[in-house]
C-alpha atoms as a PDB file:
ATOM      1  CA  MET A   1      89.803 257.058 177.103  1.00  0.00           C
ATOM      2  CA  ALA A   2      89.129 259.985 179.441  1.00  0.00           C
ATOM      3  CA  ARG A   3      87.535 263.146 178.117  1.00  0.00           C
ATOM      4  CA  PRO A   4      89.507 266.387 178.397  1.00  0.00           C
ATOM      5  CA  ARG A   5      88.480 268.836 181.119  1.00  0.00           C
ATOM      6  CA  ASN A   6      87.104 271.370 178.660  1.00  0.00           C
ATOM      7  CA  TYR A   7      84.917 268.800 176.843  1.00  0.00           C
ATOM      8  CA  ASN A   8      81.636 270.264 175.587  1.00  0.00           C
ATOM      9  CA  PRO A   9      79.223 267.642 174.187  1.00  0.00           C
ATOM     10  CA  LEU A  10      77.376 270.282 172.153  1.00  0.00           C
ATOM     11  CA  VAL A  11      80.450 271.163 170.103  1.00  0.00           C
ATOM     12  CA  TYR A  12      81.607 268.746 167.450  1.00  0.00           C
ATOM     13  CA  VAL A  13      85.379 268.377 167.272  1.00  0.00           C
ATOM     14  CA  VAL A  14      86.965 266.498 164.387  1.00  0.00           C
ATOM     15  CA  ASN A  15      89.644 263.953 165.058  1.00  0.00           C
ATOM     16  CA  GLN A  16      92.048 265.081 162.320  1.00  0.00           C
ATOM     17  CA  TRP A  17      93.862 261.766 162.256  1.00  0.00           C
ATOM     18  CA  ASN A  18      90.658 259.802 161.563  1.00  0.00           C
ATOM     19  CA  LEU A  19      89.513 262.385 159.011  1.00  0.00           C
ATOM     20  CA  SER A  20      92.715 262.217 156.974  1.00  0.00           C
ATOM     21  CA  ARG A  21      92.758 258.428 157.233  1.00  0.00           C
ATOM     22  CA  ALA A  22      89.174 258.261 155.879  1.00  0.00           C
ATOM     23  CA  ARG A  23      90.054 260.632 153.014  1.00  0.00           C
ATOM     24  CA  ASN A  24      92.964 258.416 152.013  1.00  0.00           C
ATOM     25  CA  LYS A  25      90.741 255.325 151.772  1.00  0.00           C
ATOM     26  CA  GLY A  26      88.685 256.695 148.879  1.00  0.00           C
ATOM     27  CA  GLU A  27      85.446 258.529 148.216  1.00  0.00           C
ATOM     28  CA  LYS A  28      83.071 255.735 149.266  1.00  0.00           C
ATOM     29  CA  GLN A  29      84.739 255.249 152.647  1.00  0.00           C
ATOM     30  CA  PHE A  30      84.993 259.000 153.162  1.00  0.00           C
ATOM     31  CA  LYS A  31      81.244 259.457 152.575  1.00  0.00           C
ATOM     32  CA  SER A  32      80.571 256.650 155.027  1.00  0.00           C
ATOM     33  CA  TYR A  33      82.846 258.318 157.577  1.00  0.00           C
ATOM     34  CA  LEU A  34      81.005 261.649 157.185  1.00  0.00           C
ATOM     35  CA  ARG A  35      77.594 259.981 157.596  1.00  0.00           C
ATOM     36  CA  ASN A  36      78.806 258.267 160.759  1.00  0.00           C
ATOM     37  CA  CYS A  37      80.147 261.558 162.132  1.00  0.00           C
ATOM     38  CA  GLY A  38      76.771 263.224 161.573  1.00  0.00           C
ATOM     39  CA  SER A  39      74.853 260.307 163.015  1.00  0.00           C
ATOM     40  CA  ASN A  40      77.049 260.029 166.088  1.00  0.00           C
ATOM     41  CA  TYR A  41      76.715 263.749 166.777  1.00  0.00           C
ATOM     42  CA  ILE A  42      72.920 263.828 166.697  1.00  0.00           C
ATOM     43  CA  LYS A  43      72.751 260.692 168.877  1.00  0.00           C
ATOM     44  CA  ARG A  44      74.366 262.539 171.786  1.00  0.00           C
ATOM     45  CA  LEU A  45      71.781 262.950 174.524  1.00  0.00           C
ATOM     46  CA  GLU A  46      72.874 266.530 175.245  1.00  0.00           C
ATOM     47  CA  VAL A  47      72.568 267.551 171.583  1.00  0.00           C
ATOM     48  CA  ARG A  48      69.157 265.928 171.198  1.00  0.00           C
ATOM     49  CA  GLN A  49      67.834 267.567 174.373  1.00  0.00           C
ATOM     50  CA  CYS A  50      69.153 270.981 173.336  1.00  0.00           C
ATOM     51  CA  ILE A  51      67.454 270.774 169.915  1.00  0.00           C
ATOM     52  CA  LEU A  52      64.205 269.469 171.427  1.00  0.00           C
ATOM     53  CA  ASP A  53      64.176 272.423 173.826  1.00  0.00           C
ATOM     54  CA  LYS A  54      64.970 274.858 171.011  1.00  0.00           C
ATOM     55  CA  TYR A  55      61.935 273.657 169.016  1.00  0.00           C
ATOM     56  CA  HIS A  56      59.721 273.223 172.127  1.00  0.00           C
ATOM     57  CA  HIS A  57      59.397 269.465 171.512  1.00  0.00           C
ATOM     58  CA  GLN A  58      57.483 270.067 168.255  1.00  0.00           C
ATOM     59  CA  CYS A  59      58.143 269.289 164.606  1.00  0.00           C
ATOM     60  CA  ALA A  60      59.570 272.340 162.826  1.00  0.00           C
ATOM     61  CA  GLU A  61      57.205 271.756 159.863  1.00  0.00           C
ATOM     62  CA  CYS A  62      53.844 270.501 161.139  1.00  0.00           C
ATOM     63  CA  LYS A  63      54.137 271.080 164.926  1.00  0.00           C
ATOM     64  CA  ALA A  64      53.533 267.384 165.717  1.00  0.00           C
ATOM     65  CA  THR A  65      54.762 266.170 169.096  1.00  0.00           C
ATOM     66  CA  GLN A  66      55.093 262.429 168.406  1.00  0.00           C
ATOM     67  CA  ASN A  67      57.851 260.443 166.625  1.00  0.00           C
ATOM     68  CA  LEU A  68      60.332 263.333 166.645  1.00  0.00           C
ATOM     69  CA  GLN A  69      63.747 262.984 165.013  1.00  0.00           C
ATOM     70  CA  VAL A  70      66.797 265.217 164.944  1.00  0.00           C
ATOM     71  CA  ASP A  71      67.606 266.181 161.364  1.00  0.00           C
ATOM     72  CA  HIS A  72      70.389 268.086 159.610  1.00  0.00           C
ATOM     73  CA  ILE A  73      68.971 271.088 157.714  1.00  0.00           C
ATOM     74  CA  ILE A  74      71.848 270.861 155.233  1.00  0.00           C
ATOM     75  CA  SER A  75      72.442 267.141 154.985  1.00  0.00           C
ATOM     76  CA  VAL A  76      75.879 265.698 155.557  1.00  0.00           C
ATOM     77  CA  TYR A  77      76.070 264.614 151.909  1.00  0.00           C
ATOM     78  CA  GLN A  78      74.924 268.000 150.531  1.00  0.00           C
ATOM     79  CA  GLY A  79      77.344 269.790 152.840  1.00  0.00           C
ATOM     80  CA  TRP A  80      80.146 267.573 151.597  1.00  0.00           C
ATOM     81  CA  LYS A  81      79.189 268.322 147.969  1.00  0.00           C
ATOM     82  CA  GLN A  82      79.203 272.058 148.759  1.00  0.00           C
ATOM     83  CA  GLY A  83      82.648 271.776 150.318  1.00  0.00           C
ATOM     84  CA  LEU A  84      81.580 272.453 153.908  1.00  0.00           C
ATOM     85  CA  ASP A  85      83.641 271.060 156.761  1.00  0.00           C
ATOM     86  CA  ILE A  86      82.057 268.401 158.959  1.00  0.00           C
ATOM     87  CA  GLU A  87      82.455 270.817 161.882  1.00  0.00           C
ATOM     88  CA  VAL A  88      80.153 273.281 160.084  1.00  0.00           C
ATOM     89  CA  ILE A  89      77.630 270.583 159.199  1.00  0.00           C
ATOM     90  CA  ASN A  90      77.522 269.337 162.798  1.00  0.00           C
ATOM     91  CA  THR A  91      76.513 272.542 164.551  1.00  0.00           C
ATOM     92  CA  LEU A  92      73.382 273.211 166.558  1.00  0.00           C
ATOM     93  CA  GLU A  93      72.348 275.840 164.002  1.00  0.00           C
ATOM     94  CA  ASN A  94      72.231 273.155 161.287  1.00  0.00           C
ATOM     95  CA  LEU A  95      69.938 270.847 163.254  1.00  0.00           C
ATOM     96  CA  GLN A  96      66.168 270.798 163.494  1.00  0.00           C
ATOM     97  CA  ILE A  97      63.408 268.578 164.860  1.00  0.00           C
ATOM     98  CA  LEU A  98      61.113 266.860 162.380  1.00  0.00           C
ATOM     99  CA  CYS A  99      58.462 264.232 162.899  1.00  0.00           C
ATOM    100  CA  ARG A 100      59.004 260.934 161.124  1.00  0.00           C
ATOM    101  CA  SER A 101      56.587 261.723 158.263  1.00  0.00           C
ATOM    102  CA  CYS A 102      58.048 265.201 157.579  1.00  0.00           C
ATOM    103  CA  ASN A 103      61.595 263.812 157.697  1.00  0.00           C
ATOM    104  CA  ALA A 104      60.666 260.995 155.291  1.00  0.00           C
ATOM    105  CA  GLY A 105      59.072 263.480 152.889  1.00  0.00           C
ATOM    106  CA  LYS A 106      62.046 265.834 152.905  1.00  0.00           C
ATOM    107  CA  LEU A 107      63.884 266.145 149.621  1.00  0.00           C
ATOM    108  CA  PRO A 108      67.558 265.072 149.693  1.00  0.00           C
END
């Protein structure tokens, strides 16, 4: 499938058909769908590079430069519990860089 001309990889756009289909399948499947949306967004090379540049290739907590991971500040699950749209959760402002140990020690 070809991407539209005005495609911007840094902006997350919800496929409304898939979203409504996931909602109709039940809560468990909907949570899984939201997690996949968040994961797929932060796996985009353009998104990862933008966040790495924003944080100068350092962990936001301890300033480490090894084993860096892109992390949602407000997690997908917490955003869902708060009633936030997936488009709000998957924004560059809600992403940060953490090293593996800081990300593992982060409270849910």
